[in-house]
Amino acid sequence: MPRSTKVVVRKLGRERAAGEAYYGCNEIAIDPRQTPSDYLDTLIHEGTHLAFPELTEEAVCAAATFISRIVWKHGYRKCDL
């Protein structure tokens, strides 16, 4: 499992994706044009890809949605400091 992950926030229109995980360089790219709850789900989704690269896309989707709903329900909100 990677120790430190760089998160790059940029528009991913050309890639037609909300987020991407780059396992070789331990980096996540995430599109900022999402609702806050979708942004959280995408961040967890891509982080799960890096942490468990052997999982199928379906397993990653299910796990990310499950975790993001719990975290959101318990008050997670993105804020700029």
N, C-alpha and C. Protein backbone atom coordinates (compact mmCIF):
# COMPACT_ATOMS: atom_id res chain seq x y z
N MET A 1 0.86 -1.18 0.00
CA MET A 1 0.00 0.00 0.00
C MET A 1 0.90 1.24 0.00
N PRO A 2 0.59 2.22 -0.85
CA PRO A 2 1.41 3.41 -0.92
C PRO A 2 1.34 4.24 0.37
N ARG A 3 2.46 4.86 0.71
CA ARG A 3 2.51 5.67 1.93
C ARG A 3 2.02 7.09 1.70
N SER A 4 2.53 7.75 0.70
CA SER A 4 2.19 9.14 0.45
C SER A 4 1.64 9.27 -0.97
N THR A 5 0.48 9.87 -1.08
CA THR A 5 -0.17 9.99 -2.38
C THR A 5 -0.35 11.46 -2.72
N LYS A 6 0.06 11.83 -3.91
CA LYS A 6 -0.14 13.20 -4.39
C LYS A 6 -1.50 13.28 -5.07
N VAL A 7 -2.27 14.30 -4.73
CA VAL A 7 -3.57 14.51 -5.35
C VAL A 7 -3.50 15.79 -6.17
N VAL A 8 -3.76 15.66 -7.46
CA VAL A 8 -3.74 16.80 -8.38
C VAL A 8 -5.18 17.09 -8.78
N VAL A 9 -5.61 18.33 -8.57
CA VAL A 9 -6.97 18.73 -8.94
C VAL A 9 -6.88 19.45 -10.27
N ARG A 10 -7.52 18.85 -11.30
CA ARG A 10 -7.53 19.45 -12.63
C ARG A 10 -8.72 18.93 -13.41
N LYS A 11 -9.14 19.70 -14.40
CA LYS A 11 -10.25 19.27 -15.24
C LYS A 11 -9.82 18.07 -16.07
N LEU A 12 -10.66 17.06 -16.09
CA LEU A 12 -10.36 15.82 -16.81
C LEU A 12 -11.35 15.62 -17.97
N GLY A 13 -11.69 16.68 -18.65
CA GLY A 13 -12.65 16.60 -19.75
C GLY A 13 -12.20 15.69 -20.86
N ARG A 14 -10.94 15.78 -21.25
CA ARG A 14 -10.42 14.96 -22.35
C ARG A 14 -10.45 13.48 -21.98
N GLU A 15 -10.17 13.17 -20.73
CA GLU A 15 -10.15 11.77 -20.28
C GLU A 15 -11.56 11.21 -20.07
N ARG A 16 -12.53 12.10 -20.00
CA ARG A 16 -13.93 11.69 -19.75
C ARG A 16 -14.04 10.86 -18.48
N ALA A 17 -13.41 11.37 -17.43
CA ALA A 17 -13.41 10.67 -16.15
C ALA A 17 -13.52 11.70 -15.04
N ALA A 18 -14.05 11.27 -13.91
CA ALA A 18 -14.12 12.13 -12.73
C ALA A 18 -12.80 12.09 -11.97
N GLY A 19 -12.06 10.99 -12.13
CA GLY A 19 -10.77 10.85 -11.46
C GLY A 19 -9.96 9.75 -12.11
N GLU A 20 -8.66 9.79 -11.86
CA GLU A 20 -7.76 8.76 -12.38
C GLU A 20 -6.70 8.47 -11.34
N ALA A 21 -6.29 7.21 -11.26
CA ALA A 21 -5.21 6.81 -10.36
C ALA A 21 -4.02 6.36 -11.20
N TYR A 22 -2.85 6.86 -10.84
CA TYR A 22 -1.62 6.50 -11.53
C TYR A 22 -0.76 5.72 -10.55
N TYR A 23 -0.82 4.41 -10.65
CA TYR A 23 -0.17 3.54 -9.68
C TYR A 23 1.34 3.70 -9.68
N GLY A 24 1.96 3.80 -10.84
CA GLY A 24 3.42 3.88 -10.91
C GLY A 24 4.00 5.08 -10.19
N CYS A 25 3.33 6.22 -10.27
CA CYS A 25 3.85 7.42 -9.61
C CYS A 25 3.05 7.78 -8.36
N ASN A 26 2.14 6.91 -7.94
CA ASN A 26 1.37 7.09 -6.71
C ASN A 26 0.67 8.46 -6.67
N GLU A 27 -0.13 8.71 -7.71
CA GLU A 27 -0.78 10.01 -7.86
C GLU A 27 -2.24 9.80 -8.25
N ILE A 28 -3.07 10.73 -7.79
CA ILE A 28 -4.48 10.75 -8.14
C ILE A 28 -4.76 12.09 -8.81
N ALA A 29 -5.47 12.05 -9.94
CA ALA A 29 -5.98 13.27 -10.57
C ALA A 29 -7.48 13.26 -10.37
N ILE A 30 -8.02 14.40 -9.94
CA ILE A 30 -9.46 14.47 -9.68
C ILE A 30 -10.02 15.74 -10.28
N ASP A 31 -11.17 15.60 -10.92
CA ASP A 31 -11.82 16.73 -11.57
C ASP A 31 -12.61 17.52 -10.52
N PRO A 32 -12.38 18.82 -10.40
CA PRO A 32 -13.07 19.61 -9.38
C PRO A 32 -14.53 19.92 -9.70
N ARG A 33 -14.97 19.63 -10.91
CA ARG A 33 -16.33 19.97 -11.32
C ARG A 33 -17.33 18.89 -10.92
N GLN A 34 -17.31 18.54 -9.65
CA GLN A 34 -18.22 17.52 -9.11
C GLN A 34 -18.90 18.10 -7.88
N THR A 35 -20.04 17.52 -7.53
CA THR A 35 -20.65 17.91 -6.26
C THR A 35 -19.72 17.46 -5.14
N PRO A 36 -19.81 18.08 -3.98
CA PRO A 36 -18.93 17.67 -2.88
C PRO A 36 -19.03 16.18 -2.53
N SER A 37 -20.21 15.62 -2.55
CA SER A 37 -20.34 14.19 -2.21
C SER A 37 -19.75 13.31 -3.32
N ASP A 38 -19.91 13.71 -4.57
CA ASP A 38 -19.29 12.95 -5.66
C ASP A 38 -17.78 13.07 -5.63
N TYR A 39 -17.28 14.25 -5.29
CA TYR A 39 -15.83 14.47 -5.17
C TYR A 39 -15.26 13.52 -4.12
N LEU A 40 -15.93 13.42 -2.98
CA LEU A 40 -15.49 12.50 -1.92
C LEU A 40 -15.49 11.07 -2.42
N ASP A 41 -16.55 10.66 -3.09
CA ASP A 41 -16.63 9.29 -3.62
C ASP A 41 -15.50 9.03 -4.62
N THR A 42 -15.23 9.99 -5.49
CA THR A 42 -14.16 9.82 -6.48
C THR A 42 -12.80 9.72 -5.81
N LEU A 43 -12.56 10.56 -4.82
CA LEU A 43 -11.28 10.53 -4.11
C LEU A 43 -11.06 9.18 -3.43
N ILE A 44 -12.09 8.67 -2.77
CA ILE A 44 -11.99 7.36 -2.13
C ILE A 44 -11.84 6.26 -3.17
N HIS A 45 -12.57 6.37 -4.26
CA HIS A 45 -12.50 5.39 -5.35
C HIS A 45 -11.08 5.28 -5.89
N GLU A 46 -10.48 6.42 -6.23
CA GLU A 46 -9.13 6.39 -6.80
C GLU A 46 -8.09 5.96 -5.76
N GLY A 47 -8.27 6.36 -4.53
CA GLY A 47 -7.38 5.90 -3.47
C GLY A 47 -7.46 4.40 -3.26
N THR A 48 -8.64 3.84 -3.41
CA THR A 48 -8.82 2.40 -3.30
C THR A 48 -8.09 1.67 -4.42
N HIS A 49 -8.12 2.24 -5.62
CA HIS A 49 -7.34 1.66 -6.73
C HIS A 49 -5.86 1.58 -6.38
N LEU A 50 -5.32 2.64 -5.78
CA LEU A 50 -3.90 2.64 -5.42
C LEU A 50 -3.60 1.67 -4.29
N ALA A 51 -4.47 1.61 -3.31
CA ALA A 51 -4.24 0.75 -2.15
C ALA A 51 -4.40 -0.73 -2.47
N PHE A 52 -5.34 -1.04 -3.35
CA PHE A 52 -5.66 -2.44 -3.66
C PHE A 52 -5.77 -2.63 -5.17
N PRO A 53 -4.65 -2.59 -5.89
CA PRO A 53 -4.71 -2.65 -7.36
C PRO A 53 -5.26 -3.97 -7.91
N GLU A 54 -5.33 -4.99 -7.08
CA GLU A 54 -5.84 -6.28 -7.56
C GLU A 54 -7.37 -6.33 -7.61
N LEU A 55 -8.05 -5.37 -7.00
CA LEU A 55 -9.52 -5.38 -6.99
C LEU A 55 -10.09 -5.05 -8.36
N THR A 56 -11.23 -5.62 -8.65
CA THR A 56 -11.93 -5.31 -9.90
C THR A 56 -12.55 -3.93 -9.79
N GLU A 57 -12.91 -3.36 -10.93
CA GLU A 57 -13.56 -2.04 -10.95
C GLU A 57 -14.88 -2.09 -10.18
N GLU A 58 -15.60 -3.18 -10.29
CA GLU A 58 -16.88 -3.32 -9.58
C GLU A 58 -16.67 -3.31 -8.08
N ALA A 59 -15.64 -4.01 -7.61
CA ALA A 59 -15.35 -4.05 -6.17
C ALA A 59 -14.92 -2.68 -5.67
N VAL A 60 -14.11 -1.98 -6.45
CA VAL A 60 -13.66 -0.64 -6.06
C VAL A 60 -14.85 0.31 -5.99
N CYS A 61 -15.74 0.25 -6.97
CA CYS A 61 -16.94 1.10 -6.97
C CYS A 61 -17.79 0.86 -5.73
N ALA A 62 -18.03 -0.40 -5.44
CA ALA A 62 -18.87 -0.75 -4.29
C ALA A 62 -18.23 -0.28 -2.98
N ALA A 63 -16.95 -0.53 -2.82
CA ALA A 63 -16.26 -0.14 -1.58
C ALA A 63 -16.22 1.37 -1.42
N ALA A 64 -15.90 2.09 -2.49
CA ALA A 64 -15.81 3.55 -2.41
C ALA A 64 -17.16 4.18 -2.07
N THR A 65 -18.21 3.71 -2.70
CA THR A 65 -19.53 4.25 -2.42
C THR A 65 -19.96 3.95 -0.99
N PHE A 66 -19.70 2.75 -0.53
CA PHE A 66 -20.03 2.36 0.84
C PHE A 66 -19.31 3.26 1.84
N ILE A 67 -18.00 3.43 1.66
CA ILE A 67 -17.20 4.23 2.59
C ILE A 67 -17.58 5.71 2.51
N SER A 68 -17.74 6.24 1.30
CA SER A 68 -18.06 7.66 1.16
C SER A 68 -19.42 8.01 1.78
N ARG A 69 -20.37 7.12 1.69
CA ARG A 69 -21.69 7.38 2.32
C ARG A 69 -21.58 7.44 3.83
N ILE A 70 -20.77 6.56 4.41
CA ILE A 70 -20.57 6.58 5.86
C ILE A 70 -19.90 7.87 6.29
N VAL A 71 -18.81 8.23 5.59
CA VAL A 71 -18.05 9.42 5.95
C VAL A 71 -18.91 10.67 5.77
N TRP A 72 -19.67 10.74 4.67
CA TRP A 72 -20.54 11.89 4.42
C TRP A 72 -21.62 12.00 5.49
N LYS A 73 -22.22 10.88 5.85
CA LYS A 73 -23.28 10.88 6.86
C LYS A 73 -22.78 11.37 8.21
N HIS A 74 -21.50 11.15 8.46
CA HIS A 74 -20.93 11.56 9.75
C HIS A 74 -20.24 12.91 9.70
N GLY A 75 -20.58 13.71 8.69
CA GLY A 75 -20.22 15.10 8.69
C GLY A 75 -19.05 15.56 7.86
N TYR A 76 -18.46 14.67 7.04
CA TYR A 76 -17.36 15.13 6.20
C TYR A 76 -17.88 16.18 5.24
N ARG A 77 -17.17 17.29 5.15
CA ARG A 77 -17.44 18.30 4.15
C ARG A 77 -16.11 18.89 3.73
N LYS A 78 -15.92 19.07 2.44
CA LYS A 78 -14.68 19.67 1.94
C LYS A 78 -14.74 21.17 2.18
N CYS A 79 -13.67 21.70 2.73
CA CYS A 79 -13.59 23.14 2.90
C CYS A 79 -12.19 23.60 2.53
N ASP A 80 -12.10 24.79 2.00
CA ASP A 80 -10.80 25.37 1.67
C ASP A 80 -10.34 26.20 2.84
N LEU A 81 -9.16 25.91 3.31
CA LEU A 81 -8.62 26.64 4.46
C LEU A 81 -7.68 27.73 4.01
